Amino acid sequence: MLLPWEYGVRNLARRPVRTTLTLVALATVVMLVFVVVGFIRGLEQSLSVSGDENVVLVYSVNSEENIENSSIAARTPSLVAASFDSVVDRFGVTHVSPELYLGTRVKTSAGDEGLGLVRGVTLAAPLVRRSVQLIDGNWPGEGEVMVGRLAAAKLGSSDDAMSIGSILEFEGHQWTIVGRFAAGGAAYESELWCQLSDFQTATKRQDLSLVAMLMSPGGSLAEVKLFCKERIDLELHAIGETEYYATLQQHYKPVRILAWFVVVMVSGAGVFAGLNMMYGAVAGRIREIATLQAIGFRRRAILISLIQEGVLLAAAGSLLSGVVALTMLNGVAVRFTMGAFTLRIDSVAILIGCGVGLLLGVLGALPPALKALRAEVATSLKAV
């Protein structure tokens, strides 16, 4: 026969201070798990939505897959566009975007300074980067720049310092912010976009970093790669945009492995904290446990009741942490080497966090409960 469900609930209420401390400890551990898992999910989401399967990137073969180090001739866009019929052309406008992409020191009007990602573009950029949407202000003109919604997080600055009308300083020039854009969580959201010609003048460069082309559904990446191999003089390399960001995901694989290792370590620390708390709780109830055995309850029933208490506490801590994570952590911007992204507390993160919390409840209660039940009933009844 099992002990009544209410027995375990009442036991938690009988020791409010100990119960509260255990609840806070478990909630803290689960919260740390939510933060780490949200970091992993946010990074993966940012890279997965950044690519467009119809976009092909052409850049220098010597850049070793780092577009910031790429340098190609200014005539490359026209050569590439004229070589393929599969490039999208609507109303006489070829969907080819020449771009100069560079990491540089950026200073805000508030005095904050950090490494920003600047992309010099033309009016063809939004035709190719189809996820980019202007959410406030205007497209940049001469001496102007528009900022992604996560650019402030990348620079470690505030949104007020990156508001429309504010001044930014980079490459020895001052730029006025005239617009803000979003890109559905893509990596572009941490960048600053300005006119290509202005950026070339500021950096004293006439070359480009890359050419982005929007291919028609029947277009082939293979023919672009073949063109790059045939034109040895241009020293070009072609890659699909989705493939490029998939490569970045592999590049950040050690970071994700380290983050999962942190989850395991935090969970292990939580198990030991739970063990410590539950050992203290069970040690003060040895006589009570022996009395339950003496009046006829089997050890298995008492063990299930003790585990029930641990699981109830863990469930309450997980629920508390889940509510806080969804309301306060979800969508929080995080700086990273590739730019910035937001913590993502989605269904997977909730499942992992709550699963870890319930596991802590079981593992924390099981060893001390087994130890208490191994003691002789007669000896335990005499315990103080």
Protein backbone atom coordinates (compact mmCIF):
# COMPACT_ATOMS: atom_id res chain seq x y z
CA MET A 1 0.00 0.00 0.00
CA LEU A 2 1.33 3.45 -0.95
CA LEU A 3 1.36 6.45 1.34
CA PRO A 4 -1.28 9.11 0.58
CA TRP A 5 -0.26 11.76 -1.93
CA GLU A 6 -1.11 14.49 0.58
CA TYR A 7 1.47 13.09 3.01
CA GLY A 8 4.39 14.20 0.84
CA VAL A 9 2.82 17.59 0.17
CA ARG A 10 2.23 18.22 3.87
CA ASN A 11 5.80 17.23 4.69
CA LEU A 12 7.08 19.99 2.40
CA ALA A 13 4.87 22.53 4.18
CA ARG A 14 6.04 21.36 7.61
CA ARG A 15 9.58 22.64 6.95
CA PRO A 16 9.05 25.95 5.11
CA VAL A 17 12.61 27.28 5.50
CA ARG A 18 14.31 24.08 4.32
CA THR A 19 11.77 23.68 1.52
CA THR A 20 12.29 27.27 0.36
CA LEU A 21 16.08 26.94 0.35
CA THR A 22 15.91 23.68 -1.61
CA LEU A 23 13.45 25.23 -4.06
CA VAL A 24 15.71 28.24 -4.66
CA ALA A 25 18.77 26.00 -5.14
CA LEU A 26 16.98 23.78 -7.67
CA ALA A 27 15.48 26.78 -9.49
CA THR A 28 18.93 28.40 -9.76
CA VAL A 29 20.45 25.26 -11.29
CA VAL A 30 17.60 24.89 -13.77
CA MET A 31 17.89 28.60 -14.65
CA LEU A 32 21.58 28.13 -15.51
CA VAL A 33 20.59 25.20 -17.73
CA PHE A 34 18.02 27.41 -19.48
CA VAL A 35 20.67 30.10 -20.10
CA VAL A 36 23.18 27.67 -21.63
CA VAL A 37 20.61 25.79 -23.72
CA GLY A 38 19.07 29.10 -24.83
CA PHE A 39 22.55 30.22 -25.93
CA ILE A 40 23.04 27.06 -27.99
CA ARG A 41 19.58 27.24 -29.55
CA GLY A 42 19.99 30.95 -30.34
CA LEU A 43 23.35 30.42 -32.04
CA GLU A 44 22.02 27.52 -34.10
CA GLN A 45 18.90 29.45 -35.06
CA SER A 46 20.87 32.51 -36.15
CA LEU A 47 23.12 30.47 -38.45
CA SER A 48 20.32 28.28 -39.81
CA VAL A 49 18.12 31.21 -40.93
CA SER A 50 20.99 33.27 -42.37
CA GLY A 51 21.35 31.35 -45.60
CA ASP A 52 19.18 31.50 -48.74
CA GLU A 53 19.30 28.35 -50.84
CA ASN A 54 18.96 30.39 -54.07
CA VAL A 55 21.86 32.75 -53.28
CA VAL A 56 25.42 32.04 -54.40
CA LEU A 57 28.40 33.85 -52.89
CA VAL A 58 31.48 34.54 -54.99
CA TYR A 59 34.63 35.69 -53.19
CA SER A 60 38.41 35.34 -53.24
CA VAL A 61 39.83 31.82 -53.31
CA ASN A 62 42.62 32.95 -50.99
CA SER A 63 40.36 34.15 -48.18
CA GLU A 64 40.08 30.68 -46.57
CA GLU A 65 36.29 30.97 -46.13
CA ASN A 66 36.65 34.23 -44.19
CA ILE A 67 34.86 36.86 -46.26
CA GLU A 68 36.43 39.69 -44.25
CA ASN A 69 39.80 38.70 -45.75
CA SER A 70 38.43 38.44 -49.27
CA SER A 71 39.46 40.87 -52.02
CA ILE A 72 38.13 40.65 -55.56
CA ALA A 73 38.28 43.04 -58.50
CA ALA A 74 35.59 45.72 -58.85
CA ARG A 75 34.73 44.43 -62.34
CA THR A 76 33.81 40.98 -61.00
CA PRO A 77 30.03 41.65 -60.56
CA SER A 78 29.54 42.63 -64.20
CA LEU A 79 31.63 39.69 -65.43
CA VAL A 80 29.74 37.20 -63.29
CA ALA A 81 26.30 38.62 -64.14
CA ALA A 82 27.04 38.50 -67.88
CA SER A 83 28.24 34.88 -67.71
CA PHE A 84 25.05 33.22 -66.45
CA ASP A 85 21.51 33.23 -67.76
CA SER A 86 20.29 31.67 -64.51
CA VAL A 87 20.81 34.87 -62.49
CA VAL A 88 17.42 36.41 -61.70
CA ASP A 89 16.69 39.44 -63.90
CA ARG A 90 13.44 41.32 -63.43
CA PHE A 91 12.46 44.44 -65.37
CA GLY A 92 16.03 44.79 -66.55
CA VAL A 93 17.48 44.71 -63.02
CA THR A 94 19.98 41.92 -62.43
CA HIS A 95 19.86 40.54 -58.90
CA VAL A 96 23.58 40.76 -58.21
CA SER A 97 24.86 42.49 -55.08
CA PRO A 98 28.48 43.70 -54.94
CA GLU A 99 29.52 44.12 -51.30
CA LEU A 100 32.46 45.27 -49.20
CA TYR A 101 32.39 43.55 -45.82
CA LEU A 102 34.72 44.55 -43.02
CA GLY A 103 35.14 44.34 -39.26
CA THR A 104 36.23 47.71 -37.88
CA ARG A 105 36.24 49.79 -34.70
CA VAL A 106 32.98 51.71 -34.30
CA LYS A 107 32.39 54.50 -31.79
CA THR A 108 28.94 55.70 -30.83
CA SER A 109 27.86 59.20 -29.79
CA ALA A 110 27.59 57.89 -26.19
CA GLY A 111 31.31 57.11 -26.20
CA ASP A 112 30.91 53.32 -26.46
CA GLU A 113 33.44 51.68 -28.74
CA GLY A 114 33.60 48.14 -30.05
CA LEU A 115 34.29 45.95 -33.03
CA GLY A 116 31.46 46.39 -35.50
CA LEU A 117 30.64 44.62 -38.76
CA VAL A 118 30.10 47.05 -41.64
CA ARG A 119 28.76 46.08 -45.05
CA GLY A 120 28.94 48.45 -48.00
CA VAL A 121 26.03 47.71 -50.34
CA THR A 122 24.10 49.04 -53.32
CA LEU A 123 20.36 49.22 -53.95
CA ALA A 124 20.59 45.66 -55.30
CA ALA A 125 21.32 44.27 -51.80
CA PRO A 126 17.67 43.89 -50.64
CA LEU A 127 16.86 42.12 -53.92
CA VAL A 128 19.37 39.40 -53.02
CA ARG A 129 19.19 39.51 -49.20
CA ARG A 130 15.46 38.85 -49.24
CA SER A 131 15.12 38.42 -45.46
CA VAL A 132 16.22 42.02 -44.80
CA GLN A 133 13.36 44.39 -43.97
CA LEU A 134 13.59 48.11 -43.23
CA ILE A 135 11.60 48.51 -40.01
CA ASP A 136 12.22 52.18 -39.30
CA GLY A 137 13.67 55.18 -41.14
CA ASN A 138 15.15 55.27 -44.63
CA TRP A 139 17.70 53.59 -46.85
CA PRO A 140 21.14 55.20 -46.28
CA GLY A 141 22.38 57.93 -48.58
CA GLU A 142 25.77 59.62 -48.71
CA GLY A 143 27.39 59.77 -45.26
CA GLU A 144 24.55 57.75 -43.77
CA VAL A 145 24.18 54.26 -42.34
CA MET A 146 21.38 51.95 -41.29
CA VAL A 147 21.82 49.56 -38.38
CA GLY A 148 20.55 46.06 -37.68
CA ARG A 149 18.34 45.55 -34.66
CA LEU A 150 21.19 43.68 -32.85
CA ALA A 151 23.98 46.10 -33.81
CA ALA A 152 23.85 47.78 -30.40
CA ALA A 153 24.38 44.43 -28.67
CA LYS A 154 27.34 43.67 -30.93
CA LEU A 155 28.98 46.97 -29.99
CA GLY A 156 28.09 46.61 -26.32
CA SER A 157 26.10 49.83 -26.51
CA SER A 158 22.51 50.83 -25.75
CA ASP A 159 19.61 51.08 -28.19
CA ASP A 160 19.36 54.82 -27.45
CA ALA A 161 22.94 55.36 -28.64
CA MET A 162 22.04 53.56 -31.90
CA SER A 163 18.74 55.35 -32.50
CA ILE A 164 17.88 57.19 -35.70
CA GLY A 165 19.65 60.55 -35.83
CA SER A 166 22.61 59.39 -33.74
CA ILE A 167 26.19 59.65 -35.01
CA LEU A 168 28.61 56.77 -35.45
CA GLU A 169 32.31 57.09 -36.16
CA PHE A 170 34.37 54.48 -38.02
CA GLU A 171 37.14 54.48 -40.59
CA GLY A 172 37.88 58.14 -39.75
CA HIS A 173 34.43 59.36 -40.85
CA GLN A 174 31.21 60.27 -39.09
CA TRP A 175 28.02 58.58 -40.21
CA THR A 176 24.41 59.48 -39.39
CA ILE A 177 22.01 56.66 -38.55
CA VAL A 178 18.93 57.02 -40.77
CA GLY A 179 17.34 53.57 -40.58
CA ARG A 180 16.98 50.30 -38.72
CA PHE A 181 16.45 46.88 -40.28
CA ALA A 182 15.65 43.32 -39.25
CA ALA A 183 16.41 40.04 -40.99
CA GLY A 184 14.33 37.40 -39.23
CA GLY A 185 17.10 36.52 -36.80
CA ALA A 186 19.81 36.19 -39.48
CA ALA A 187 23.42 37.20 -38.89
CA TYR A 188 22.91 40.46 -40.82
CA GLU A 189 21.00 41.91 -37.86
CA SER A 190 24.25 42.73 -36.04
CA GLU A 191 25.70 44.66 -38.99
CA LEU A 192 25.85 48.27 -40.15
CA TRP A 193 24.95 48.92 -43.80
CA CYS A 194 26.07 51.96 -45.80
CA GLN A 195 26.53 52.90 -49.45
CA LEU A 196 29.22 50.85 -51.14
CA SER A 197 30.87 53.87 -52.81
CA ASP A 198 31.00 55.77 -49.51
CA PHE A 199 32.53 52.82 -47.70
CA GLN A 200 35.12 52.30 -50.43
CA THR A 201 36.11 55.97 -50.16
CA ALA A 202 36.36 55.77 -46.37
CA THR A 203 38.49 52.63 -46.46
CA LYS A 204 40.50 53.81 -49.50
CA ARG A 205 39.68 50.60 -51.31
CA GLN A 206 38.37 50.05 -54.84
CA ASP A 207 38.01 46.29 -54.55
CA LEU A 208 35.12 44.23 -53.18
CA SER A 209 34.79 41.46 -50.62
CA LEU A 210 32.17 39.38 -52.39
CA VAL A 211 29.41 39.22 -54.94
CA ALA A 212 26.05 37.74 -53.91
CA MET A 213 23.83 36.47 -56.73
CA LEU A 214 20.21 35.38 -56.62
CA MET A 215 19.80 32.37 -58.91
CA SER A 216 16.56 31.28 -60.52
CA PRO A 217 15.11 27.94 -59.30
CA GLY A 218 16.64 26.20 -62.30
CA GLY A 219 20.06 27.74 -61.70
CA SER A 220 23.01 25.58 -60.75
CA LEU A 221 25.78 26.27 -58.27
CA ALA A 222 27.94 23.85 -60.25
CA GLU A 223 28.07 26.15 -63.28
CA VAL A 224 29.20 29.05 -61.11
CA LYS A 225 31.93 26.88 -59.59
CA LEU A 226 32.97 25.78 -63.08
CA PHE A 227 33.22 29.43 -64.17
CA CYS A 228 35.45 30.20 -61.18
CA LYS A 229 37.74 27.29 -62.02
CA GLU A 230 37.97 28.28 -65.67
CA ARG A 231 38.75 31.94 -64.95
CA ILE A 232 41.98 31.28 -63.08
CA ASP A 233 42.99 34.92 -63.54
CA LEU A 234 40.13 36.10 -61.31
CA GLU A 235 41.02 33.75 -58.41
CA LEU A 236 37.40 33.26 -57.39
CA HIS A 237 35.58 30.71 -55.28
CA ALA A 238 31.82 30.06 -55.27
CA ILE A 239 29.68 28.59 -52.53
CA GLY A 240 25.97 28.41 -51.81
CA GLU A 241 24.95 30.73 -48.99
CA THR A 242 23.29 27.91 -47.03
CA GLU A 243 26.47 25.85 -47.41
CA TYR A 244 28.56 28.81 -46.21
CA TYR A 245 26.59 29.18 -42.98
CA ALA A 246 26.56 25.39 -42.52
CA THR A 247 30.35 25.62 -42.60
CA LEU A 248 30.18 28.27 -39.89
CA GLN A 249 28.03 25.92 -37.81
CA GLN A 250 30.81 23.33 -38.03
CA HIS A 251 33.32 26.03 -37.12
CA TYR A 252 31.37 26.76 -33.92
CA LYS A 253 30.85 23.08 -33.11
CA PRO A 254 33.51 23.13 -30.33
CA VAL A 255 31.63 26.04 -28.73
CA ARG A 256 28.41 24.04 -28.73
CA ILE A 257 30.18 20.98 -27.32
CA LEU A 258 31.66 23.14 -24.55
CA ALA A 259 28.22 24.59 -23.81
CA TRP A 260 26.68 21.10 -23.49
CA PHE A 261 29.58 20.17 -21.22
CA VAL A 262 28.67 23.17 -19.06
CA VAL A 263 25.07 21.88 -18.92
CA VAL A 264 26.34 18.52 -17.66
CA MET A 265 28.62 20.16 -15.09
CA VAL A 266 25.87 22.47 -13.83
CA SER A 267 23.48 19.53 -13.60
CA GLY A 268 26.09 17.54 -11.69
CA ALA A 269 26.53 20.41 -9.25
CA GLY A 270 22.76 20.53 -8.87
CA VAL A 271 22.64 16.81 -8.06
CA PHE A 272 25.21 17.25 -5.29
CA ALA A 273 23.33 20.29 -3.95
CA GLY A 274 20.12 18.27 -3.98
CA LEU A 275 21.83 15.36 -2.26
CA ASN A 276 23.12 17.65 0.47
CA MET A 277 19.68 19.16 1.02
CA MET A 278 17.85 15.83 0.96
CA TYR A 279 20.37 14.12 3.26
CA GLY A 280 19.71 16.87 5.79
CA ALA A 281 15.96 16.56 5.35
CA VAL A 282 15.92 12.76 5.67
CA ALA A 283 18.39 12.70 8.58
CA GLY A 284 15.90 14.61 10.71
CA ARG A 285 13.11 12.15 9.86
CA ILE A 286 14.74 8.81 10.67
CA ARG A 287 12.34 8.16 13.56
CA GLU A 288 9.35 9.12 11.37
CA ILE A 289 10.46 6.75 8.62
CA ALA A 290 10.93 3.92 11.11
CA THR A 291 7.48 4.56 12.58
CA LEU A 292 5.93 4.29 9.12
CA GLN A 293 7.61 0.90 8.68
CA ALA A 294 6.50 -0.21 12.13
CA ILE A 295 2.81 0.49 11.42
CA GLY A 296 2.91 -1.56 8.25
CA PHE A 297 4.04 0.60 5.30
CA ARG A 298 6.54 -1.17 3.08
CA ARG A 299 9.94 0.33 2.31
CA ARG A 300 9.04 0.69 -1.36
CA ALA A 301 6.01 2.83 -0.49
CA ILE A 302 8.10 5.07 1.79
CA LEU A 303 10.81 5.36 -0.87
CA ILE A 304 8.24 6.44 -3.47
CA SER A 305 6.86 9.05 -1.05
CA LEU A 306 10.33 10.51 -0.40
CA ILE A 307 11.07 10.64 -4.12
CA GLN A 308 7.66 12.29 -4.60
CA GLU A 309 8.74 15.11 -2.31
CA GLY A 310 11.97 15.64 -4.27
CA VAL A 311 10.15 15.57 -7.60
CA LEU A 312 7.50 18.03 -6.36
CA LEU A 313 10.21 20.47 -5.30
CA ALA A 314 12.09 20.00 -8.57
CA ALA A 315 8.90 20.47 -10.62
CA ALA A 316 8.10 23.68 -8.73
CA GLY A 317 11.68 24.94 -9.25
CA SER A 318 11.59 24.04 -12.95
CA LEU A 319 8.22 25.77 -13.40
CA LEU A 320 9.50 28.89 -11.65
CA SER A 321 12.67 28.95 -13.74
CA GLY A 322 10.72 28.30 -16.94
CA VAL A 323 8.42 31.27 -16.33
CA VAL A 324 11.38 33.56 -15.57
CA ALA A 325 13.29 32.29 -18.63
CA LEU A 326 10.36 32.84 -20.99
CA THR A 327 9.55 36.31 -19.66
CA MET A 328 13.04 37.70 -18.99
CA LEU A 329 15.64 35.67 -20.94
CA ASN A 330 13.91 34.81 -24.21
CA GLY A 331 15.08 37.25 -26.89
CA VAL A 332 17.91 38.77 -24.84
CA ALA A 333 20.76 39.81 -27.16
CA VAL A 334 24.16 38.16 -26.74
CA ARG A 335 27.47 39.35 -28.19
CA PHE A 336 29.57 36.83 -30.07
CA THR A 337 32.49 36.73 -32.50
CA MET A 338 30.21 36.32 -35.54
CA GLY A 339 28.09 39.28 -34.45
CA ALA A 340 25.16 39.01 -32.09
CA PHE A 341 22.14 36.79 -31.64
CA THR A 342 19.31 36.34 -29.15
CA LEU A 343 18.82 33.68 -26.50
CA ARG A 344 16.12 31.30 -27.68
CA ILE A 345 13.99 29.68 -25.01
CA ASP A 346 11.90 27.44 -27.25
CA SER A 347 10.11 24.14 -26.70
CA VAL A 348 13.40 22.21 -26.90
CA ALA A 349 15.03 24.44 -24.27
CA ILE A 350 11.97 24.11 -22.00
CA LEU A 351 11.97 20.33 -22.42
CA ILE A 352 15.68 20.03 -21.61
CA GLY A 353 15.55 22.45 -18.67
CA CYS A 354 12.49 20.87 -17.05
CA GLY A 355 13.83 17.38 -17.77
CA VAL A 356 17.08 18.22 -16.00
CA GLY A 357 15.09 19.70 -13.09
CA LEU A 358 12.96 16.57 -12.63
CA LEU A 359 16.07 14.39 -12.93
CA LEU A 360 17.68 16.41 -10.15
CA GLY A 361 14.64 15.79 -7.98
CA VAL A 362 14.86 12.02 -8.44
CA LEU A 363 18.64 11.71 -8.15
CA GLY A 364 18.77 14.07 -5.18
CA ALA A 365 16.16 12.16 -3.18
CA LEU A 366 17.04 8.57 -4.06
CA PRO A 367 20.42 7.99 -2.27
CA PRO A 368 19.48 9.55 1.12
CA ALA A 369 16.12 7.77 1.08
CA LEU A 370 17.76 4.39 0.42
CA LYS A 371 20.28 5.03 3.20
CA ALA A 372 17.53 5.82 5.71
CA LEU A 373 15.52 2.74 4.76
CA ARG A 374 18.50 0.39 5.20
CA ALA A 375 18.68 1.15 8.93
CA GLU A 376 17.09 -1.27 11.40
CA VAL A 377 13.60 -0.22 12.49
CA ALA A 378 14.28 -0.80 16.20
CA THR A 379 17.46 1.28 16.11
CA SER A 380 15.81 4.08 14.10
CA LEU A 381 12.92 4.32 16.56
CA LYS A 382 15.40 5.21 19.31
CA ALA A 383 17.02 7.94 17.17
CA VAL A 384 16.81 11.51 18.49
